[in-house]
């Protein structure tokens, strides 16, 4: 960012401060977005495997679950998932 020579020092300082914090927030947002995308990809793979489990005969099924990073807050499986798994 280029400021004109007649920009008051207080304004220039405030703009520099805001620019610095905007850059930090952008970096944090990018890290969070990457973590969310990685988690979503893992959950999508697990959902596809669960659908396969529910629709395929048990004798022809082999499942290898990918490692998914643990969410920051615990998530419990829905009662429908637990019920389906208990019937296997």
PDB file of N, CA and C in Angstrom:
ATOM      1  N   UNK A   1       0.850  -1.168   0.000  1.00  0.00           N
ATOM      2  CA  UNK A   1       0.000   0.000   0.000  1.00  0.00           C
ATOM      3  C   UNK A   1       0.896   1.232   0.000  1.00  0.00           C
ATOM      4  N   UNK A   2       0.574   2.158  -0.839  1.00  0.00           N
ATOM      5  CA  UNK A   2       1.375   3.365  -0.963  1.00  0.00           C
ATOM      6  C   UNK A   2       0.551   4.558  -0.479  1.00  0.00           C
ATOM      7  N   UNK A   3       1.109   5.318   0.442  1.00  0.00           N
ATOM      8  CA  UNK A   3       0.421   6.504   0.968  1.00  0.00           C
ATOM      9  C   UNK A   3       1.052   7.755   0.381  1.00  0.00           C
ATOM     10  N   UNK A   4       0.234   8.780   0.263  1.00  0.00           N
ATOM     11  CA  UNK A   4       0.776  10.043  -0.238  1.00  0.00           C
ATOM     12  C   UNK A   4       1.642  10.696   0.841  1.00  0.00           C
ATOM     13  N   UNK A   5       2.496  11.588   0.430  1.00  0.00           N
ATOM     14  CA  UNK A   5       3.421  12.243   1.363  1.00  0.00           C
ATOM     15  C   UNK A   5       2.710  13.122   2.389  1.00  0.00           C
ATOM     16  N   UNK A   6       1.504  13.573   2.066  1.00  0.00           N
ATOM     17  CA  UNK A   6       0.806  14.443   3.009  1.00  0.00           C
ATOM     18  C   UNK A   6      -0.135  13.686   3.958  1.00  0.00           C
ATOM     19  N   UNK A   7      -0.012  12.346   4.012  1.00  0.00           N
ATOM     20  CA  UNK A   7      -0.814  11.558   4.945  1.00  0.00           C
ATOM     21  C   UNK A   7      -0.292  11.795   6.362  1.00  0.00           C
ATOM     22  N   UNK A   8      -1.186  12.183   7.272  1.00  0.00           N
ATOM     23  CA  UNK A   8      -0.765  12.412   8.663  1.00  0.00           C
ATOM     24  C   UNK A   8      -0.179  11.127   9.273  1.00  0.00           C
ATOM     25  N   UNK A   9       0.861  11.271  10.091  1.00  0.00           N
ATOM     26  CA  UNK A   9       1.505  10.092  10.690  1.00  0.00           C
ATOM     27  C   UNK A   9       0.533   9.206  11.472  1.00  0.00           C
ATOM     28  N   UNK A  10      -0.411   9.787  12.169  1.00  0.00           N
ATOM     29  CA  UNK A  10      -1.379   8.987  12.936  1.00  0.00           C
ATOM     30  C   UNK A  10      -2.226   8.111  12.035  1.00  0.00           C
ATOM     31  N   UNK A  11      -2.626   8.661  10.885  1.00  0.00           N
ATOM     32  CA  UNK A  11      -3.431   7.888   9.934  1.00  0.00           C
ATOM     33  C   UNK A  11      -2.579   6.773   9.336  1.00  0.00           C
ATOM     34  N   UNK A  12      -1.339   7.085   8.977  1.00  0.00           N
ATOM     35  CA  UNK A  12      -0.438   6.082   8.405  1.00  0.00           C
ATOM     36  C   UNK A  12      -0.196   4.948   9.402  1.00  0.00           C
ATOM     37  N   UNK A  13      -0.010   5.291  10.672  1.00  0.00           N
ATOM     38  CA  UNK A  13       0.202   4.268  11.703  1.00  0.00           C
ATOM     39  C   UNK A  13      -1.033   3.375  11.860  1.00  0.00           C
ATOM     40  N   UNK A  14      -2.201   4.015  11.885  1.00  0.00           N
ATOM     41  CA  UNK A  14      -3.441   3.251  12.031  1.00  0.00           C
ATOM     42  C   UNK A  14      -3.641   2.319  10.843  1.00  0.00           C
ATOM     43  N   UNK A  15      -3.379   2.796   9.644  1.00  0.00           N
ATOM     44  CA  UNK A  15      -3.514   1.956   8.456  1.00  0.00           C
ATOM     45  C   UNK A  15      -2.515   0.789   8.472  1.00  0.00           C
ATOM     46  N   UNK A  16      -1.306   1.050   8.900  1.00  0.00           N
ATOM     47  CA  UNK A  16      -0.311  -0.018   9.004  1.00  0.00           C
ATOM     48  C   UNK A  16      -0.719  -1.069  10.006  1.00  0.00           C
ATOM     49  N   UNK A  17      -1.247  -0.630  11.140  1.00  0.00           N
ATOM     50  CA  UNK A  17      -1.728  -1.533  12.184  1.00  0.00           C
ATOM     51  C   UNK A  17      -2.856  -2.405  11.638  1.00  0.00           C
ATOM     52  N   UNK A  18      -3.819  -1.778  10.965  1.00  0.00           N
ATOM     53  CA  UNK A  18      -4.949  -2.525  10.414  1.00  0.00           C
ATOM     54  C   UNK A  18      -4.501  -3.507   9.334  1.00  0.00           C
ATOM     55  N   UNK A  19      -3.571  -3.090   8.489  1.00  0.00           N
ATOM     56  CA  UNK A  19      -3.075  -3.964   7.438  1.00  0.00           C
ATOM     57  C   UNK A  19      -2.384  -5.195   8.032  1.00  0.00           C
ATOM     58  N   UNK A  20      -1.581  -4.977   9.058  1.00  0.00           N
ATOM     59  CA  UNK A  20      -0.883  -6.078   9.727  1.00  0.00           C
ATOM     60  C   UNK A  20      -1.887  -7.094  10.281  1.00  0.00           C
ATOM     61  N   UNK A  21      -2.904  -6.612  10.971  1.00  0.00           N
ATOM     62  CA  UNK A  21      -3.883  -7.521  11.568  1.00  0.00           C
ATOM     63  C   UNK A  21      -4.761  -8.181  10.506  1.00  0.00           C
ATOM     64  N   UNK A  22      -5.025  -7.502   9.426  1.00  0.00           N
ATOM     65  CA  UNK A  22      -5.766  -8.119   8.328  1.00  0.00           C
ATOM     66  C   UNK A  22      -4.973  -9.276   7.731  1.00  0.00           C
ATOM     67  N   UNK A  23      -3.676  -9.109   7.596  1.00  0.00           N
ATOM     68  CA  UNK A  23      -2.829 -10.197   7.086  1.00  0.00           C
ATOM     69  C   UNK A  23      -2.841 -11.386   8.034  1.00  0.00           C
ATOM     70  N   UNK A  24      -2.764 -11.133   9.341  1.00  0.00           N
ATOM     71  CA  UNK A  24      -2.812 -12.226  10.324  1.00  0.00           C
ATOM     72  C   UNK A  24      -4.143 -12.966  10.264  1.00  0.00           C
ATOM     73  N   UNK A  25      -5.236 -12.213  10.170  1.00  0.00           N
ATOM     74  CA  UNK A  25      -6.557 -12.846  10.095  1.00  0.00           C
ATOM     75  C   UNK A  25      -6.708 -13.674   8.828  1.00  0.00           C
ATOM     76  N   UNK A  26      -6.169 -13.183   7.728  1.00  0.00           N
ATOM     77  CA  UNK A  26      -6.238 -13.914   6.470  1.00  0.00           C
ATOM     78  C   UNK A  26      -5.475 -15.231   6.574  1.00  0.00           C
ATOM     79  N   UNK A  27      -4.305 -15.204   7.192  1.00  0.00           N
ATOM     80  CA  UNK A  27      -3.525 -16.430   7.377  1.00  0.00           C
ATOM     81  C   UNK A  27      -4.278 -17.431   8.246  1.00  0.00           C
ATOM     82  N   UNK A  28      -4.876 -16.961   9.339  1.00  0.00           N
ATOM     83  CA  UNK A  28      -5.639 -17.851  10.211  1.00  0.00           C
ATOM     84  C   UNK A  28      -6.840 -18.433   9.484  1.00  0.00           C
ATOM     85  N   UNK A  29      -7.498 -17.600   8.676  1.00  0.00           N
ATOM     86  CA  UNK A  29      -8.649 -18.072   7.915  1.00  0.00           C
ATOM     87  C   UNK A  29      -8.219 -19.166   6.939  1.00  0.00           C
ATOM     88  N   UNK A  30      -7.083 -18.997   6.291  1.00  0.00           N
ATOM     89  CA  UNK A  30      -6.600 -20.003   5.345  1.00  0.00           C
ATOM     90  C   UNK A  30      -6.288 -21.321   6.047  1.00  0.00           C
ATOM     91  N   UNK A  31      -5.683 -21.248   7.231  1.00  0.00           N
ATOM     92  CA  UNK A  31      -5.386 -22.465   7.997  1.00  0.00           C
ATOM     93  C   UNK A  31      -6.684 -23.158   8.403  1.00  0.00           C
ATOM     94  N   UNK A  32      -7.655 -22.388   8.867  1.00  0.00           N
ATOM     95  CA  UNK A  32      -8.945 -22.961   9.259  1.00  0.00           C
ATOM     96  C   UNK A  32      -9.660 -23.581   8.068  1.00  0.00           C
ATOM     97  N   UNK A  33      -9.627 -22.899   6.947  1.00  0.00           N
ATOM     98  CA  UNK A  33     -10.275 -23.414   5.741  1.00  0.00           C
ATOM     99  C   UNK A  33      -9.644 -24.744   5.317  1.00  0.00           C
ATOM    100  N   UNK A  34      -8.327 -24.832   5.394  1.00  0.00           N
ATOM    101  CA  UNK A  34      -7.639 -26.074   5.040  1.00  0.00           C
ATOM    102  C   UNK A  34      -8.062 -27.206   5.989  1.00  0.00           C
ATOM    103  N   UNK A  35      -8.127 -26.918   7.277  1.00  0.00           N
ATOM    104  CA  UNK A  35      -8.521 -27.933   8.260  1.00  0.00           C
ATOM    105  C   UNK A  35      -9.953 -28.396   8.009  1.00  0.00           C
ATOM    106  N   UNK A  36     -10.840 -27.474   7.701  1.00  0.00           N
ATOM    107  CA  UNK A  36     -12.235 -27.819   7.425  1.00  0.00           C
ATOM    108  C   UNK A  36     -12.326 -28.689   6.169  1.00  0.00           C
ATOM    109  N   UNK A  37     -11.606 -28.299   5.118  1.00  0.00           N
ATOM    110  CA  UNK A  37     -11.642 -29.078   3.877  1.00  0.00           C
ATOM    111  C   UNK A  37     -11.094 -30.486   4.079  1.00  0.00           C
ATOM    112  N   UNK A  38     -10.020 -30.614   4.853  1.00  0.00           N
ATOM    113  CA  UNK A  38      -9.443 -31.931   5.123  1.00  0.00           C
ATOM    114  C   UNK A  38     -10.437 -32.800   5.894  1.00  0.00           C
ATOM    115  N   UNK A  39     -11.069 -32.221   6.892  1.00  0.00           N
ATOM    116  CA  UNK A  39     -12.049 -32.955   7.684  1.00  0.00           C
ATOM    117  C   UNK A  39     -13.243 -33.363   6.828  1.00  0.00           C
ATOM    118  N   UNK A  40     -13.723 -32.456   5.995  1.00  0.00           N
ATOM    119  CA  UNK A  40     -14.856 -32.778   5.123  1.00  0.00           C
ATOM    120  C   UNK A  40     -14.523 -33.903   4.147  1.00  0.00           C
ATOM    121  N   UNK A  41     -13.310 -33.904   3.613  1.00  0.00           N
ATOM    122  CA  UNK A  41     -12.921 -34.977   2.694  1.00  0.00           C
ATOM    123  C   UNK A  41     -12.925 -36.327   3.419  1.00  0.00           C
ATOM    124  N   UNK A  42     -12.400 -36.352   4.636  1.00  0.00           N
ATOM    125  CA  UNK A  42     -12.384 -37.591   5.415  1.00  0.00           C
ATOM    126  C   UNK A  42     -13.780 -38.058   5.768  1.00  0.00           C
ATOM    127  N   UNK A  43     -14.628 -37.123   6.177  1.00  0.00           N
ATOM    128  CA  UNK A  43     -16.003 -37.483   6.526  1.00  0.00           C
ATOM    129  C   UNK A  43     -16.789 -37.954   5.309  1.00  0.00           C
ATOM    130  N   UNK A  44     -16.530 -37.355   4.161  1.00  0.00           N
ATOM    131  CA  UNK A  44     -17.186 -37.785   2.925  1.00  0.00           C
ATOM    132  C   UNK A  44     -16.789 -39.217   2.582  1.00  0.00           C
ATOM    133  N   UNK A  45     -15.503 -39.533   2.722  1.00  0.00           N
ATOM    134  CA  UNK A  45     -15.038 -40.897   2.458  1.00  0.00           C
ATOM    135  C   UNK A  45     -15.692 -41.879   3.423  1.00  0.00           C
ATOM    136  N   UNK A  46     -15.800 -41.502   4.679  1.00  0.00           N
ATOM    137  CA  UNK A  46     -16.430 -42.388   5.661  1.00  0.00           C
ATOM    138  C   UNK A  46     -17.912 -42.560   5.361  1.00  0.00           C
ATOM    139  N   UNK A  47     -18.573 -41.494   4.935  1.00  0.00           N
ATOM    140  CA  UNK A  47     -19.987 -41.581   4.589  1.00  0.00           C
ATOM    141  C   UNK A  47     -20.190 -42.509   3.392  1.00  0.00           C
ATOM    142  N   UNK A  48     -19.330 -42.406   2.400  1.00  0.00           N
ATOM    143  CA  UNK A  48     -19.423 -43.296   1.241  1.00  0.00           C
ATOM    144  C   UNK A  48     -19.228 -44.744   1.656  1.00  0.00           C
ATOM    145  N   UNK A  49     -18.295 -44.989   2.574  1.00  0.00           N
ATOM    146  CA  UNK A  49     -18.076 -46.353   3.055  1.00  0.00           C
ATOM    147  C   UNK A  49     -19.275 -46.846   3.860  1.00  0.00           C
ATOM    148  N   UNK A  50     -19.886 -45.968   4.629  1.00  0.00           N
ATOM    149  CA  UNK A  50     -21.073 -46.350   5.401  1.00  0.00           C
ATOM    150  C   UNK A  50     -22.224 -46.691   4.459  1.00  0.00           C
ATOM    151  N   UNK A  51     -22.383 -45.905   3.408  1.00  0.00           N
ATOM    152  CA  UNK A  51     -23.424 -46.195   2.415  1.00  0.00           C
ATOM    153  C   UNK A  51     -23.147 -47.552   1.767  1.00  0.00           C
ATOM    154  N   UNK A  52     -21.883 -47.818   1.449  1.00  0.00           N
ATOM    155  CA  UNK A  52     -21.509 -49.110   0.874  1.00  0.00           C
ATOM    156  C   UNK A  52     -21.834 -50.234   1.856  1.00  0.00           C
ATOM    157  N   UNK A  53     -21.539 -50.023   3.125  1.00  0.00           N
ATOM    158  CA  UNK A  53     -21.810 -51.019   4.154  1.00  0.00           C
ATOM    159  C   UNK A  53     -23.304 -51.316   4.234  1.00  0.00           C
ATOM    160  N   UNK A  54     -24.121 -50.288   4.111  1.00  0.00           N
ATOM    161  CA  UNK A  54     -25.568 -50.439   4.244  1.00  0.00           C
ATOM    162  C   UNK A  54     -26.186 -51.092   2.998  1.00  0.00           C
ATOM    163  N   UNK A  55     -25.536 -50.977   1.844  1.00  0.00           N
ATOM    164  CA  UNK A  55     -26.136 -51.467   0.606  1.00  0.00           C
ATOM    165  C   UNK A  55     -25.477 -52.708   0.040  1.00  0.00           C
ATOM    166  N   UNK A  56     -24.346 -53.161   0.582  1.00  0.00           N
ATOM    167  CA  UNK A  56     -23.634 -54.324   0.050  1.00  0.00           C
ATOM    168  C   UNK A  56     -23.813 -55.517   0.964  1.00  0.00           C
ATOM    169  N   UNK A  57     -23.755 -56.712   0.361  1.00  0.00           N
ATOM    170  CA  UNK A  57     -23.786 -57.911   1.209  1.00  0.00           C
ATOM    171  C   UNK A  57     -22.544 -57.958   2.108  1.00  0.00           C
ATOM    172  N   UNK A  58     -22.720 -58.385   3.311  1.00  0.00           N
ATOM    173  CA  UNK A  58     -21.629 -58.384   4.288  1.00  0.00           C
ATOM    174  C   UNK A  58     -20.474 -59.285   3.861  1.00  0.00           C
ATOM    175  N   UNK A  59     -20.744 -60.350   3.137  1.00  0.00           N
ATOM    176  CA  UNK A  59     -19.671 -61.275   2.775  1.00  0.00           C
ATOM    177  C   UNK A  59     -18.723 -60.693   1.736  1.00  0.00           C
ATOM    178  N   UNK A  60     -19.162 -59.723   0.938  1.00  0.00           N
ATOM    179  CA  UNK A  60     -18.331 -59.168  -0.129  1.00  0.00           C
ATOM    180  C   UNK A  60     -17.741 -57.819   0.243  1.00  0.00           C
ATOM    181  N   UNK A  61     -17.810 -57.453   1.497  1.00  0.00           N
ATOM    182  CA  UNK A  61     -17.451 -56.099   1.899  1.00  0.00           C
ATOM    183  C   UNK A  61     -16.130 -56.061   2.665  1.00  0.00           C
ATOM    184  N   UNK A  62     -15.241 -55.206   2.241  1.00  0.00           N
ATOM    185  CA  UNK A  62     -14.003 -54.939   2.964  1.00  0.00           C
ATOM    186  C   UNK A  62     -13.900 -53.434   3.135  1.00  0.00           C
ATOM    187  N   UNK A  63     -13.717 -52.987   4.364  1.00  0.00           N
ATOM    188  CA  UNK A  63     -13.683 -51.553   4.632  1.00  0.00           C
ATOM    189  C   UNK A  63     -12.356 -51.186   5.283  1.00  0.00           C
ATOM    190  N   UNK A  64     -11.735 -50.139   4.773  1.00  0.00           N
ATOM    191  CA  UNK A  64     -10.543 -49.560   5.391  1.00  0.00           C
ATOM    192  C   UNK A  64     -10.838 -48.095   5.625  1.00  0.00           C
ATOM    193  N   UNK A  65     -11.100 -47.738   6.871  1.00  0.00           N
ATOM    194  CA  UNK A  65     -11.446 -46.352   7.181  1.00  0.00           C
ATOM    195  C   UNK A  65     -10.196 -45.486   7.206  1.00  0.00           C
ATOM    196  N   UNK A  66     -10.243 -44.327   6.542  1.00  0.00           N
ATOM    197  CA  UNK A  66      -9.104 -43.411   6.581  1.00  0.00           C
ATOM    198  C   UNK A  66      -9.026 -42.719   7.936  1.00  0.00           C
ATOM    199  N   UNK A  67      -7.847 -42.276   8.275  1.00  0.00           N
ATOM    200  CA  UNK A  67      -7.691 -41.516   9.504  1.00  0.00           C
ATOM    201  C   UNK A  67      -8.208 -40.109   9.270  1.00  0.00           C
ATOM    202  N   UNK A  68      -9.075 -39.658  10.154  1.00  0.00           N
ATOM    203  CA  UNK A  68      -9.634 -38.314  10.062  1.00  0.00           C
ATOM    204  C   UNK A  68      -9.210 -37.563  11.308  1.00  0.00           C
ATOM    205  N   UNK A  69      -8.712 -36.328  11.157  1.00  0.00           N
ATOM    206  CA  UNK A  69      -8.336 -35.563  12.343  1.00  0.00           C
ATOM    207  C   UNK A  69      -9.528 -35.413  13.282  1.00  0.00           C
ATOM    208  N   UNK A  70      -9.265 -35.524  14.560  1.00  0.00           N
ATOM    209  CA  UNK A  70     -10.341 -35.389  15.534  1.00  0.00           C
ATOM    210  C   UNK A  70     -10.861 -33.960  15.534  1.00  0.00           C
ATOM    211  N   UNK A  71     -12.193 -33.791  15.545  1.00  0.00           N
ATOM    212  CA  UNK A  71     -12.733 -32.432  15.604  1.00  0.00           C
ATOM    213  C   UNK A  71     -12.405 -31.795  16.942  1.00  0.00           C
ATOM    214  N   UNK A  72     -12.465 -30.488  16.979  1.00  0.00           N
ATOM    215  CA  UNK A  72     -12.134 -29.783  18.213  1.00  0.00           C
ATOM    216  C   UNK A  72     -13.173 -30.036  19.296  1.00  0.00           C
ATOM    217  N   UNK A  73     -14.407 -30.345  18.907  1.00  0.00           N
ATOM    218  CA  UNK A  73     -15.419 -30.704  19.880  1.00  0.00           C
ATOM    219  C   UNK A  73     -15.923 -32.105  19.529  1.00  0.00           C
ATOM    220  N   UNK A  74     -16.196 -32.928  20.539  1.00  0.00           N
ATOM    221  CA  UNK A  74     -16.605 -34.299  20.245  1.00  0.00           C
ATOM    222  C   UNK A  74     -17.928 -34.337  19.486  1.00  0.00           C
ATOM    223  N   UNK A  75     -18.010 -35.271  18.537  1.00  0.00           N
ATOM    224  CA  UNK A  75     -19.229 -35.453  17.759  1.00  0.00           C
ATOM    225  C   UNK A  75     -19.657 -36.897  17.933  1.00  0.00           C
ATOM    226  N   UNK A  76     -20.890 -37.105  18.381  1.00  0.00           N
ATOM    227  CA  UNK A  76     -21.402 -38.450  18.577  1.00  0.00           C
ATOM    228  C   UNK A  76     -22.120 -38.907  17.315  1.00  0.00           C
ATOM    229  N   UNK A  77     -22.003 -40.205  16.979  1.00  0.00           N
ATOM    230  CA  UNK A  77     -22.746 -40.700  15.822  1.00  0.00           C
ATOM    231  C   UNK A  77     -24.246 -40.622  16.089  1.00  0.00           C
ATOM    232  N   UNK A  78     -25.011 -40.449  15.038  1.00  0.00           N
ATOM    233  CA  UNK A  78     -26.460 -40.353  15.199  1.00  0.00           C
ATOM    234  C   UNK A  78     -27.011 -41.714  15.608  1.00  0.00           C
ATOM    235  N   UNK A  79     -28.189 -41.736  16.234  1.00  0.00           N
ATOM    236  CA  UNK A  79     -28.800 -43.017  16.614  1.00  0.00           C
ATOM    237  C   UNK A  79     -29.030 -43.931  15.404  1.00  0.00           C
ATOM    238  N   UNK A  80     -29.311 -43.361  14.222  1.00  0.00           N
ATOM    239  CA  UNK A  80     -29.506 -44.179  13.031  1.00  0.00           C
ATOM    240  C   UNK A  80     -28.230 -44.924  12.658  1.00  0.00           C
ATOM    241  N   UNK A  81     -27.094 -44.262  12.748  1.00  0.00           N
ATOM    242  CA  UNK A  81     -25.813 -44.908  12.438  1.00  0.00           C
ATOM    243  C   UNK A  81     -25.522 -46.004  13.440  1.00  0.00           C
ATOM    244  N   UNK A  82     -25.716 -45.715  14.719  1.00  0.00           N
ATOM    245  CA  UNK A  82     -25.471 -46.727  15.760  1.00  0.00           C
ATOM    246  C   UNK A  82     -26.372 -47.929  15.576  1.00  0.00           C
ATOM    247  N   UNK A  83     -27.653 -47.693  15.245  1.00  0.00           N
ATOM    248  CA  UNK A  83     -28.586 -48.768  15.027  1.00  0.00           C
ATOM    249  C   UNK A  83     -28.166 -49.626  13.842  1.00  0.00           C
ATOM    250  N   UNK A  84     -27.764 -48.985  12.741  1.00  0.00           N
ATOM    251  CA  UNK A  84     -27.347 -49.721  11.536  1.00  0.00           C
ATOM    252  C   UNK A  84     -26.107 -50.559  11.820  1.00  0.00           C
ATOM    253  N   UNK A  85     -25.159 -50.006  12.567  1.00  0.00           N
ATOM    254  CA  UNK A  85     -23.941 -50.739  12.872  1.00  0.00           C
ATOM    255  C   UNK A  85     -24.209 -51.917  13.816  1.00  0.00           C
ATOM    256  N   UNK A  86     -25.170 -51.768  14.727  1.00  0.00           N
ATOM    257  CA  UNK A  86     -25.449 -52.853  15.666  1.00  0.00           C
ATOM    258  C   UNK A  86     -26.132 -54.019  14.971  1.00  0.00           C
ATOM    259  N   UNK A  87     -26.756 -53.784  13.825  1.00  0.00           N
ATOM    260  CA  UNK A  87     -27.427 -54.846  13.089  1.00  0.00           C
ATOM    261  C   UNK A  87     -26.461 -55.651  12.230  1.00  0.00           C
ATOM    262  N   UNK A  88     -25.234 -55.188  12.086  1.00  0.00           N
ATOM    263  CA  UNK A  88     -24.248 -55.887  11.231  1.00  0.00           C
ATOM    264  C   UNK A  88     -23.653 -57.081  11.929  1.00  0.00           C
TER     265      UNK A  88
END
